[in-house]
Amino acid sequence: MKISKTLISKEEIENKISEIAETINSKYKDEELVVIGILKGAFIVVSDLAKQLQIDVTFDFMSIKSYYGSESSGQIKIIKDLEYDISNKNILIVEDIYDTGLTLSSLKKLLESRNPKSIEIFSMFVKKGVSKDPIEIDYSGFEIGPEFVVGYGLDYNGKYRELPYLALLS
């Protein structure tokens, strides 16, 4: 498989991250925020966002696997849990891509059970028209089609995450 087309350029991504960081900086100006990156894909998004945040912020990461039953209920298994207590904290979940919503919906319910002050979600890429369990995305970078994409944290068999742009494979 090779890159066949660039969908979203490095410059477009950088501009969008700056725009979202500015909004987050304004919203959480006088409050603490815990940014939770979902591994592996979101590490690049979190890194680029972190460089532009000018607020009281802590970073943590979770690694989860999704298991779907015959009812497509969406269940998650935690591979790496949070290191910090999030009770009474403002939480921003950062995800690389939102598609079916099943994983994010389950994750949000799990984190809500830990009594945070608030939870918001930032997904860099949002696939249109494929959601099975719709969840509100508070900050989104780009709406994309249903095709399989790589780059900017998204991979194909562990490859292409490092690309600074979003691309199609052929």
C-alpha atoms as a PDB file:
ATOM      1  CA  MET A   1       0.000   0.000   0.000  1.00  0.00           C
ATOM      2  CA  LYS A   2       1.201   3.481  -0.873  1.00  0.00           C
ATOM      3  CA  ILE A   3      -0.021   7.005  -0.300  1.00  0.00           C
ATOM      4  CA  SER A   4      -2.319   7.903  -3.186  1.00  0.00           C
ATOM      5  CA  LYS A   5      -3.584  11.346  -2.216  1.00  0.00           C
ATOM      6  CA  THR A   6      -3.150  14.000   0.458  1.00  0.00           C
ATOM      7  CA  LEU A   7      -6.568  14.888   1.894  1.00  0.00           C
ATOM      8  CA  ILE A   8      -5.602  17.494   4.498  1.00  0.00           C
ATOM      9  CA  SER A   9      -2.257  19.284   4.420  1.00  0.00           C
ATOM     10  CA  LYS A  10       0.198  19.826   7.254  1.00  0.00           C
ATOM     11  CA  GLU A  11      -0.552  23.569   7.112  1.00  0.00           C
ATOM     12  CA  GLU A  12      -4.316  23.049   7.345  1.00  0.00           C
ATOM     13  CA  ILE A  13      -3.817  20.788  10.371  1.00  0.00           C
ATOM     14  CA  GLU A  14      -1.460  23.269  12.060  1.00  0.00           C
ATOM     15  CA  ASN A  15      -3.951  26.102  11.541  1.00  0.00           C
ATOM     16  CA  LYS A  16      -6.825  24.036  12.945  1.00  0.00           C
ATOM     17  CA  ILE A  17      -4.811  23.015  16.038  1.00  0.00           C
ATOM     18  CA  SER A  18      -3.992  26.711  16.656  1.00  0.00           C
ATOM     19  CA  GLU A  19      -7.641  27.674  16.323  1.00  0.00           C
ATOM     20  CA  ILE A  20      -8.800  24.958  18.736  1.00  0.00           C
ATOM     21  CA  ALA A  21      -6.007  25.719  21.233  1.00  0.00           C
ATOM     22  CA  GLU A  22      -7.068  29.376  21.237  1.00  0.00           C
ATOM     23  CA  THR A  23     -10.654  28.373  22.064  1.00  0.00           C
ATOM     24  CA  ILE A  24      -9.509  26.015  24.843  1.00  0.00           C
ATOM     25  CA  ASN A  25      -7.143  28.646  26.275  1.00  0.00           C
ATOM     26  CA  SER A  26     -10.010  31.113  26.426  1.00  0.00           C
ATOM     27  CA  LYS A  27     -12.511  28.675  27.941  1.00  0.00           C
ATOM     28  CA  TYR A  28     -10.183  27.324  30.645  1.00  0.00           C
ATOM     29  CA  LYS A  29      -8.273  30.568  31.281  1.00  0.00           C
ATOM     30  CA  ASP A  30      -8.773  30.498  35.053  1.00  0.00           C
ATOM     31  CA  GLU A  31      -9.300  26.768  35.550  1.00  0.00           C
ATOM     32  CA  GLU A  32      -7.301  23.572  35.604  1.00  0.00           C
ATOM     33  CA  LEU A  33      -7.682  21.164  32.682  1.00  0.00           C
ATOM     34  CA  VAL A  34      -6.674  17.509  32.407  1.00  0.00           C
ATOM     35  CA  VAL A  35      -6.035  16.485  28.802  1.00  0.00           C
ATOM     36  CA  ILE A  36      -6.462  12.737  28.280  1.00  0.00           C
ATOM     37  CA  GLY A  37      -4.943  11.426  25.069  1.00  0.00           C
ATOM     38  CA  ILE A  38      -6.205   8.110  23.754  1.00  0.00           C
ATOM     39  CA  LEU A  39      -3.274   5.980  22.619  1.00  0.00           C
ATOM     40  CA  LYS A  40      -1.886   5.280  20.197  1.00  0.00           C
ATOM     41  CA  GLY A  41      -3.364   7.572  17.576  1.00  0.00           C
ATOM     42  CA  ALA A  42      -3.893  10.746  19.585  1.00  0.00           C
ATOM     43  CA  PHE A  43      -0.300  11.189  20.744  1.00  0.00           C
ATOM     44  CA  ILE A  44       0.544  13.510  17.836  1.00  0.00           C
ATOM     45  CA  VAL A  45      -2.617  15.582  18.281  1.00  0.00           C
ATOM     46  CA  VAL A  46      -1.915  15.917  22.035  1.00  0.00           C
ATOM     47  CA  SER A  47       1.700  16.896  21.395  1.00  0.00           C
ATOM     48  CA  ASP A  48       0.797  19.621  18.899  1.00  0.00           C
ATOM     49  CA  LEU A  49      -2.052  20.897  21.074  1.00  0.00           C
ATOM     50  CA  ALA A  50       0.149  20.925  24.201  1.00  0.00           C
ATOM     51  CA  LYS A  51       2.653  23.291  22.587  1.00  0.00           C
ATOM     52  CA  GLN A  52      -0.084  25.899  22.208  1.00  0.00           C
ATOM     53  CA  LEU A  53      -1.921  25.643  25.512  1.00  0.00           C
ATOM     54  CA  GLN A  54      -1.275  28.528  27.884  1.00  0.00           C
ATOM     55  CA  ILE A  55      -3.382  27.361  30.819  1.00  0.00           C
ATOM     56  CA  ASP A  56      -3.020  25.229  33.952  1.00  0.00           C
ATOM     57  CA  VAL A  57      -2.934  21.817  32.264  1.00  0.00           C
ATOM     58  CA  THR A  58      -2.009  18.243  33.160  1.00  0.00           C
ATOM     59  CA  PHE A  59      -1.593  15.476  30.589  1.00  0.00           C
ATOM     60  CA  ASP A  60      -2.461  11.827  30.978  1.00  0.00           C
ATOM     61  CA  PHE A  61      -3.034   8.969  28.576  1.00  0.00           C
ATOM     62  CA  MET A  62      -5.248   5.922  28.296  1.00  0.00           C
ATOM     63  CA  SER A  63      -4.926   2.921  26.048  1.00  0.00           C
ATOM     64  CA  ILE A  64      -8.135   1.037  25.395  1.00  0.00           C
ATOM     65  CA  LYS A  65      -9.317  -1.769  23.177  1.00  0.00           C
ATOM     66  CA  SER A  66     -12.843  -2.018  21.882  1.00  0.00           C
ATOM     67  CA  TYR A  67     -14.820  -5.192  22.070  1.00  0.00           C
ATOM     68  CA  TYR A  68     -18.170  -5.314  20.339  1.00  0.00           C
ATOM     69  CA  GLY A  69     -20.743  -7.948  21.222  1.00  0.00           C
ATOM     70  CA  SER A  70     -23.371  -9.294  18.886  1.00  0.00           C
ATOM     71  CA  GLU A  71     -25.572  -6.340  19.797  1.00  0.00           C
ATOM     72  CA  SER A  72     -22.807  -3.836  18.944  1.00  0.00           C
ATOM     73  CA  SER A  73     -23.211  -2.489  22.466  1.00  0.00           C
ATOM     74  CA  GLY A  74     -19.630  -1.246  22.543  1.00  0.00           C
ATOM     75  CA  GLN A  75     -17.461  -2.284  25.456  1.00  0.00           C
ATOM     76  CA  ILE A  76     -13.937  -1.221  26.222  1.00  0.00           C
ATOM     77  CA  LYS A  77     -11.050  -2.951  27.905  1.00  0.00           C
ATOM     78  CA  ILE A  78      -8.534  -0.673  29.594  1.00  0.00           C
ATOM     79  CA  ILE A  79      -4.958  -1.539  28.658  1.00  0.00           C
ATOM     80  CA  LYS A  80      -3.427   1.552  30.319  1.00  0.00           C
ATOM     81  CA  ASP A  81      -5.480   3.541  32.806  1.00  0.00           C
ATOM     82  CA  LEU A  82      -5.054   7.094  34.048  1.00  0.00           C
ATOM     83  CA  GLU A  83      -2.332   7.872  36.555  1.00  0.00           C
ATOM     84  CA  TYR A  84      -4.195  10.832  38.079  1.00  0.00           C
ATOM     85  CA  ASP A  85      -7.436  11.159  40.009  1.00  0.00           C
ATOM     86  CA  ILE A  86      -9.850  13.127  37.830  1.00  0.00           C
ATOM     87  CA  SER A  87     -12.551  13.776  40.417  1.00  0.00           C
ATOM     88  CA  ASN A  88     -13.708  17.386  40.334  1.00  0.00           C
ATOM     89  CA  LYS A  89     -11.411  18.175  37.373  1.00  0.00           C
ATOM     90  CA  ASN A  90     -12.212  19.515  33.925  1.00  0.00           C
ATOM     91  CA  ILE A  91     -11.426  16.767  31.414  1.00  0.00           C
ATOM     92  CA  LEU A  92     -10.658  17.025  27.709  1.00  0.00           C
ATOM     93  CA  ILE A  93     -10.547  13.662  25.942  1.00  0.00           C
ATOM     94  CA  VAL A  94      -8.384  13.890  22.806  1.00  0.00           C
ATOM     95  CA  GLU A  95      -8.990  11.329  20.088  1.00  0.00           C
ATOM     96  CA  ASP A  96      -7.466  11.070  16.625  1.00  0.00           C
ATOM     97  CA  ILE A  97     -10.637  10.008  14.811  1.00  0.00           C
ATOM     98  CA  TYR A  98     -14.336   9.655  15.576  1.00  0.00           C
ATOM     99  CA  ASP A  99     -16.219   7.125  13.504  1.00  0.00           C
ATOM    100  CA  THR A 100     -18.800   4.769  15.054  1.00  0.00           C
ATOM    101  CA  GLY A 101     -18.840   6.511  18.445  1.00  0.00           C
ATOM    102  CA  LEU A 102     -18.995   3.199  20.301  1.00  0.00           C
ATOM    103  CA  THR A 103     -15.561   3.468  21.931  1.00  0.00           C
ATOM    104  CA  LEU A 104     -15.888   7.148  22.846  1.00  0.00           C
ATOM    105  CA  SER A 105     -19.375   6.664  24.257  1.00  0.00           C
ATOM    106  CA  SER A 106     -18.191   3.835  26.515  1.00  0.00           C
ATOM    107  CA  LEU A 107     -15.086   5.762  27.539  1.00  0.00           C
ATOM    108  CA  LYS A 108     -17.080   8.867  28.414  1.00  0.00           C
ATOM    109  CA  LYS A 109     -19.452   6.831  30.617  1.00  0.00           C
ATOM    110  CA  LEU A 110     -16.475   5.237  32.363  1.00  0.00           C
ATOM    111  CA  LEU A 111     -14.831   8.605  33.042  1.00  0.00           C
ATOM    112  CA  GLU A 112     -18.130  10.134  34.192  1.00  0.00           C
ATOM    113  CA  SER A 113     -18.264   7.449  36.897  1.00  0.00           C
ATOM    114  CA  ARG A 114     -15.047   8.956  38.301  1.00  0.00           C
ATOM    115  CA  ASN A 115     -16.855  12.244  39.106  1.00  0.00           C
ATOM    116  CA  PRO A 116     -15.035  14.837  37.025  1.00  0.00           C
ATOM    117  CA  LYS A 117     -16.195  18.447  37.077  1.00  0.00           C
ATOM    118  CA  SER A 118     -16.743  18.361  33.297  1.00  0.00           C
ATOM    119  CA  ILE A 119     -15.882  16.271  30.250  1.00  0.00           C
ATOM    120  CA  GLU A 120     -15.381  17.554  26.727  1.00  0.00           C
ATOM    121  CA  ILE A 121     -14.165  15.734  23.632  1.00  0.00           C
ATOM    122  CA  PHE A 122     -11.779  16.838  20.895  1.00  0.00           C
ATOM    123  CA  SER A 123     -11.475  14.634  17.827  1.00  0.00           C
ATOM    124  CA  MET A 124      -9.106  15.741  15.088  1.00  0.00           C
ATOM    125  CA  PHE A 125     -11.009  13.916  12.353  1.00  0.00           C
ATOM    126  CA  VAL A 126     -14.725  13.113  12.287  1.00  0.00           C
ATOM    127  CA  LYS A 127     -16.054  10.603   9.778  1.00  0.00           C
ATOM    128  CA  LYS A 128     -19.426  11.752   8.530  1.00  0.00           C
ATOM    129  CA  GLY A 129     -22.365   9.406   8.337  1.00  0.00           C
ATOM    130  CA  VAL A 130     -20.912   6.350  10.114  1.00  0.00           C
ATOM    131  CA  SER A 131     -21.853   6.946  13.756  1.00  0.00           C
ATOM    132  CA  LYS A 132     -23.662   4.086  15.492  1.00  0.00           C
ATOM    133  CA  ASP A 133     -23.661   5.656  18.955  1.00  0.00           C
ATOM    134  CA  PRO A 134     -23.681   9.426  18.415  1.00  0.00           C
ATOM    135  CA  ILE A 135     -21.810  11.444  20.999  1.00  0.00           C
ATOM    136  CA  GLU A 136     -21.241  15.170  21.122  1.00  0.00           C
ATOM    137  CA  ILE A 137     -17.828  16.218  19.866  1.00  0.00           C
ATOM    138  CA  ASP A 138     -17.058  19.584  21.463  1.00  0.00           C
ATOM    139  CA  TYR A 139     -14.017  20.378  19.311  1.00  0.00           C
ATOM    140  CA  SER A 140     -13.430  18.846  15.904  1.00  0.00           C
ATOM    141  CA  GLY A 141     -10.723  19.431  13.382  1.00  0.00           C
ATOM    142  CA  PHE A 142     -12.014  18.166  10.051  1.00  0.00           C
ATOM    143  CA  GLU A 143     -15.007  16.257   8.756  1.00  0.00           C
ATOM    144  CA  ILE A 144     -13.920  13.490   6.399  1.00  0.00           C
ATOM    145  CA  GLY A 145     -15.582  10.805   4.307  1.00  0.00           C
ATOM    146  CA  PRO A 146     -15.828   7.095   5.090  1.00  0.00           C
ATOM    147  CA  GLU A 147     -12.630   6.084   3.268  1.00  0.00           C
ATOM    148  CA  PHE A 148      -9.670   4.626   5.160  1.00  0.00           C
ATOM    149  CA  VAL A 149      -7.133   7.324   6.011  1.00  0.00           C
ATOM    150  CA  VAL A 150      -3.624   7.439   7.470  1.00  0.00           C
ATOM    151  CA  GLY A 151      -1.262  10.052   8.827  1.00  0.00           C
ATOM    152  CA  TYR A 152      -1.291  12.471  11.708  1.00  0.00           C
ATOM    153  CA  GLY A 153      -1.546   9.624  14.216  1.00  0.00           C
ATOM    154  CA  LEU A 154      -3.673   7.256  12.131  1.00  0.00           C
ATOM    155  CA  ASP A 155      -2.027   4.067  10.953  1.00  0.00           C
ATOM    156  CA  TYR A 156      -2.248   1.087   8.662  1.00  0.00           C
ATOM    157  CA  ASN A 157      -0.688  -1.942  10.384  1.00  0.00           C
ATOM    158  CA  GLY A 158       1.398   0.365  12.576  1.00  0.00           C
ATOM    159  CA  LYS A 159       2.721   2.436   9.680  1.00  0.00           C
ATOM    160  CA  TYR A 160       2.140   6.022   8.478  1.00  0.00           C
ATOM    161  CA  ARG A 161       1.314   7.561  11.921  1.00  0.00           C
ATOM    162  CA  GLU A 162       4.267   9.930  11.568  1.00  0.00           C
ATOM    163  CA  LEU A 163       2.968  11.690   8.458  1.00  0.00           C
ATOM    164  CA  PRO A 164       2.266  15.367   9.205  1.00  0.00           C
ATOM    165  CA  TYR A 165      -0.788  15.305   6.906  1.00  0.00           C
ATOM    166  CA  LEU A 166      -3.861  13.102   6.341  1.00  0.00           C
ATOM    167  CA  ALA A 167      -3.776  10.823   3.309  1.00  0.00           C
ATOM    168  CA  LEU A 168      -5.516   8.026   1.415  1.00  0.00           C
ATOM    169  CA  LEU A 169      -3.836   4.706   0.668  1.00  0.00           C
ATOM    170  CA  SER A 170      -4.067   2.720  -2.550  1.00  0.00           C
END
